Protein backbone atom coordinates (compact mmCIF):
# COMPACT_ATOMS: atom_id res chain seq x y z
CA MET A 1 108.38 97.24 112.33
CA ARG A 2 108.60 100.73 113.13
CA LEU A 3 110.45 102.99 110.60
CA LEU A 4 111.84 106.66 111.10
CA LEU A 5 111.38 108.51 107.80
CA ALA A 6 113.67 111.75 107.62
CA GLU A 7 112.86 113.52 104.33
CA ASP A 8 112.21 117.42 104.08
CA ASP A 9 110.34 116.96 100.64
CA ALA A 10 106.67 116.95 101.50
CA MET A 11 105.27 115.26 98.32
CA LEU A 12 108.42 112.96 98.31
CA GLY A 13 108.03 111.98 101.89
CA ALA A 14 104.08 111.51 101.45
CA SER A 15 104.66 109.24 99.03
CA ILE A 16 107.29 107.00 101.10
CA GLU A 17 105.17 107.02 103.97
CA GLN A 18 102.04 105.85 102.31
CA GLY A 19 104.15 102.92 100.00
CA LEU A 20 105.91 101.84 103.30
CA ARG A 21 102.58 101.71 105.40
CA ARG A 22 100.95 99.69 102.42
CA ALA A 23 103.85 97.47 102.86
CA GLY A 24 103.32 96.69 106.84
CA PHE A 25 105.63 99.29 108.32
CA ILE A 26 104.67 101.82 111.10
CA VAL A 27 106.40 105.04 109.50
CA ASP A 28 106.92 108.09 111.66
CA TRP A 29 107.72 111.12 109.50
CA VAL A 30 109.98 114.15 110.52
CA ARG A 31 111.38 116.86 108.01
CA GLU A 32 114.18 118.32 110.20
CA GLY A 33 117.58 116.78 111.28
CA LYS A 34 116.95 117.79 114.87
CA ALA A 35 113.58 116.57 115.03
CA ALA A 36 115.02 112.95 113.87
CA GLU A 37 117.53 112.83 116.48
CA LEU A 38 115.07 113.75 119.37
CA ALA A 39 112.97 111.00 117.75
CA LEU A 40 115.68 108.19 117.74
CA ALA A 41 116.60 109.11 121.31
CA ASP A 42 114.14 106.58 122.62
CA GLY A 43 115.39 104.04 120.65
CA GLY A 44 111.88 103.04 119.59
CA HIS A 45 112.66 102.70 116.17
CA ASP A 46 113.95 99.55 113.58
CA LEU A 47 115.56 101.45 111.00
CA LEU A 48 116.15 105.01 109.51
CA LEU A 49 115.80 106.56 106.36
CA LEU A 50 117.91 109.41 105.78
CA ASP A 51 118.08 112.16 103.34
CA LEU A 52 121.27 113.99 103.90
CA GLY A 53 119.91 117.87 102.81
CA LEU A 54 117.97 117.89 105.78
CA PRO A 55 117.00 121.64 107.29
CA ARG A 56 118.50 122.39 111.17
CA LEU A 57 120.62 119.48 110.98
CA ASP A 58 122.10 117.59 108.07
CA GLY A 59 122.07 113.84 107.53
CA LEU A 60 125.93 113.68 107.57
CA THR A 61 125.95 115.26 111.00
CA LEU A 62 123.10 113.04 112.45
CA LEU A 63 124.68 109.80 111.01
CA LYS A 64 128.16 110.69 112.49
CA ARG A 65 126.45 111.84 116.06
CA LEU A 66 124.30 108.36 116.14
CA ARG A 67 127.59 106.11 115.60
CA GLN A 68 129.51 108.03 117.77
CA ARG A 69 126.98 107.50 120.93
CA GLU A 70 127.06 103.63 119.71
CA ASP A 71 123.75 103.82 118.42
CA VAL A 72 123.61 100.49 115.87
CA ILE A 73 120.28 101.17 114.62
CA PRO A 74 120.46 100.36 110.48
CA VAL A 75 120.19 103.59 108.17
CA LEU A 76 119.67 103.70 104.91
CA ILE A 77 120.38 106.95 103.28
CA VAL A 78 117.63 108.14 100.57
CA THR A 79 118.85 111.53 98.67
CA ALA A 80 119.56 113.01 95.36
CA ARG A 81 123.47 113.68 95.85
CA ASP A 82 124.53 110.89 93.59
CA ALA A 83 128.44 111.83 93.77
CA ILE A 84 130.83 108.96 94.63
CA ASP A 85 132.37 111.12 97.13
CA ASP A 86 129.07 111.59 98.93
CA ARG A 87 128.19 108.09 98.95
CA VAL A 88 131.74 106.96 100.12
CA THR A 89 131.35 109.43 102.93
CA GLY A 90 128.11 108.22 103.86
CA LEU A 91 128.95 104.63 103.93
CA ASN A 92 132.41 105.45 105.98
CA LEU A 93 130.20 107.32 108.66
CA GLY A 94 128.21 104.33 109.23
CA ALA A 95 125.56 103.84 106.87
CA ASP A 96 124.21 100.84 105.98
CA ASP A 97 122.83 101.31 102.57
CA TYR A 98 122.38 104.17 100.06
CA LEU A 99 119.57 104.74 97.27
CA VAL A 100 119.78 107.83 95.36
CA LYS A 101 116.99 109.60 93.91
CA PRO A 102 115.15 108.88 91.74
CA PHE A 103 114.33 105.61 92.86
CA ASP A 104 111.40 102.75 92.54
CA LEU A 105 109.36 101.89 95.69
CA ASN A 106 109.70 98.50 95.48
CA GLU A 107 113.67 98.55 95.40
CA LEU A 108 113.23 100.82 98.54
CA ILE A 109 111.08 98.65 100.63
CA ALA A 110 113.45 95.59 99.13
CA ARG A 111 116.47 97.20 100.38
CA VAL A 112 114.70 97.95 103.76
CA HIS A 113 113.45 94.25 104.03
CA ALA A 114 117.37 93.28 103.57
CA LEU A 115 118.50 95.53 106.45
CA LEU A 116 116.35 94.43 108.76
CA ARG A 117 117.00 90.54 107.90
CA ARG A 118 120.55 91.71 108.55
CA ARG A 119 119.87 93.08 112.21
CA ARG A 120 118.17 89.88 112.81
CA SER A 121 121.33 88.00 111.93
CA ASN A 122 119.10 85.79 109.72
CA PRO A 123 119.47 85.56 106.05
CA GLN A 124 116.33 83.60 105.77
CA THR A 125 113.07 85.58 104.55
CA LEU A 126 110.50 83.69 106.43
CA MET A 127 110.13 83.89 110.30
CA ARG A 128 108.84 80.31 111.67
CA LEU A 129 107.52 78.87 115.04
CA GLY A 130 106.24 75.55 115.24
CA ALA A 131 103.89 74.91 112.36
CA LEU A 132 103.30 78.94 111.78
CA GLU A 133 105.59 80.81 109.58
CA LEU A 134 105.30 84.43 108.01
CA ASP A 135 106.94 86.02 105.05
CA PRO A 136 107.85 89.74 105.49
CA ILE A 137 108.17 90.09 101.89
CA THR A 138 105.07 88.86 100.52
CA ARG A 139 103.04 89.40 103.78
CA GLU A 140 102.10 85.71 103.34
CA VAL A 141 101.26 84.27 106.87
CA ARG A 142 100.81 80.05 106.65
CA LEU A 143 99.67 77.51 109.38
CA GLU A 144 100.31 73.95 109.08
CA GLY A 145 100.61 75.11 105.38
CA ARG A 146 97.42 76.78 104.81
CA PRO A 147 97.30 80.60 104.05
CA LEU A 148 95.64 82.64 107.10
CA HIS A 149 94.02 86.05 105.37
CA LEU A 150 94.79 88.56 107.80
CA SER A 151 93.77 92.16 108.04
CA ALA A 152 96.59 94.87 108.25
CA ARG A 153 96.35 95.43 112.04
CA GLU A 154 96.36 91.42 112.58
CA TYR A 155 99.29 90.99 110.36
CA GLY A 156 101.35 93.77 112.82
CA LEU A 157 100.25 92.01 116.19
CA LEU A 158 101.35 88.48 114.52
CA TYR A 159 104.60 90.01 113.42
CA ALA A 160 105.60 91.92 116.50
CA LEU A 161 104.61 88.65 118.25
CA LEU A 162 106.42 86.53 116.13
CA GLU A 163 109.81 88.46 116.21
CA LYS A 164 110.17 87.57 119.66
CA PRO A 165 108.45 84.58 120.16
CA GLY A 166 108.12 83.44 123.78
CA ALA A 167 108.67 87.46 125.15
CA VAL A 168 105.71 88.82 126.62
CA LEU A 169 104.66 92.58 125.18
CA SER A 170 102.50 94.66 126.96
CA VAL A 171 99.63 96.26 125.56
CA ALA A 172 101.32 99.53 125.11
CA GLN A 173 104.27 98.14 123.35
CA LEU A 174 101.74 96.31 120.60
CA GLU A 175 100.15 99.81 120.65
CA ASN A 176 103.64 101.06 119.92
CA ARG A 177 103.86 98.55 117.15
CA LEU A 178 100.64 99.31 115.17
CA TYR A 179 100.44 102.53 115.17
CA GLY A 180 102.20 105.99 113.67
CA TRP A 181 102.30 109.19 115.24
CA GLY A 182 98.92 110.95 114.84
CA GLU A 183 97.09 107.90 114.37
CA GLU A 184 94.09 107.76 116.80
CA VAL A 185 94.01 104.60 118.71
CA GLN A 186 90.61 103.10 120.63
CA SER A 187 91.23 102.30 124.21
CA ASN A 188 90.42 98.55 123.80
CA ALA A 189 91.96 98.33 119.92
CA VAL A 190 94.48 96.07 120.70
CA GLU A 191 92.82 93.43 122.71
CA VAL A 192 90.05 93.40 119.67
CA HIS A 193 92.76 92.60 117.27
CA LEU A 194 94.16 90.48 119.54
CA HIS A 195 90.75 88.58 119.62
CA HIS A 196 90.40 88.11 115.88
CA LEU A 197 93.88 87.05 115.77
CA ARG A 198 93.34 84.25 118.23
CA ARG A 199 90.19 83.09 116.39
CA LYS A 200 92.25 82.57 113.09
CA LEU A 201 95.12 81.42 114.82
CA GLY A 202 93.27 78.72 117.18
CA PRO A 203 93.31 77.95 120.64
CA GLY A 204 96.68 78.23 122.55
CA TRP A 205 98.84 80.01 120.24
CA ILE A 206 98.29 83.70 121.96
CA ARG A 207 98.68 83.68 125.96
CA ASN A 208 97.86 86.39 128.20
CA VAL A 209 100.01 86.62 130.96
CA ARG A 210 98.00 88.28 133.51
CA GLY A 211 98.89 92.02 134.57
CA VAL A 212 101.60 92.13 132.23
CA GLY A 213 100.92 91.07 128.51
CA TYR A 214 100.83 88.84 125.86
CA ARG A 215 103.05 86.08 124.10
CA LEU A 216 102.84 83.93 121.42
CA THR A 217 104.20 80.43 122.01
CA PRO A 218 103.04 76.92 120.05
CA PRO A 219 100.26 75.20 121.36
CA ALA A 220 100.95 72.48 123.79
């Protein structure tokens, strides 16, 4: 899942970015409200972590603009403003959750997972397809009840394919799910990771739709 972090504090932003990436998320980090607004324009993010005290465009104004244009991206406000009035204002403007600094990183990650589950309209934690199941909280993957040990990139690919089972995802779409801004991507990186994932899943799970991309389906 691809997250946008809008946080102007360099130390805190770096800590949040690192923690979310360790939890398996792709994170794009901006430090200004205007930059966040531009980043959200293409609809490529699954959730926004929003500080209220952003330069150039404050968080509440950005949130208001998002909801006015009917952008339904989940928004988790992360701010030092702990007054009840600020919380009520943020929630009334369309925020989905509100976390006050300082906070425990594990709580932040748990809240992100909860909002993403809500977006999928699925109260269950596990993602399943046939004999394959993935737990996004613990990052455990099982096939026919046995654990699969995947690298971070292999896990990211499986998550993207399992999120929309049967849908064909292009190499460019898969790259976008695996790599954040500024990360170097080798030309055949996705194909290499898919090859290793295929070997671990076994034949029939990942199918190549020639000239289009890849999809995940249970073996016949």
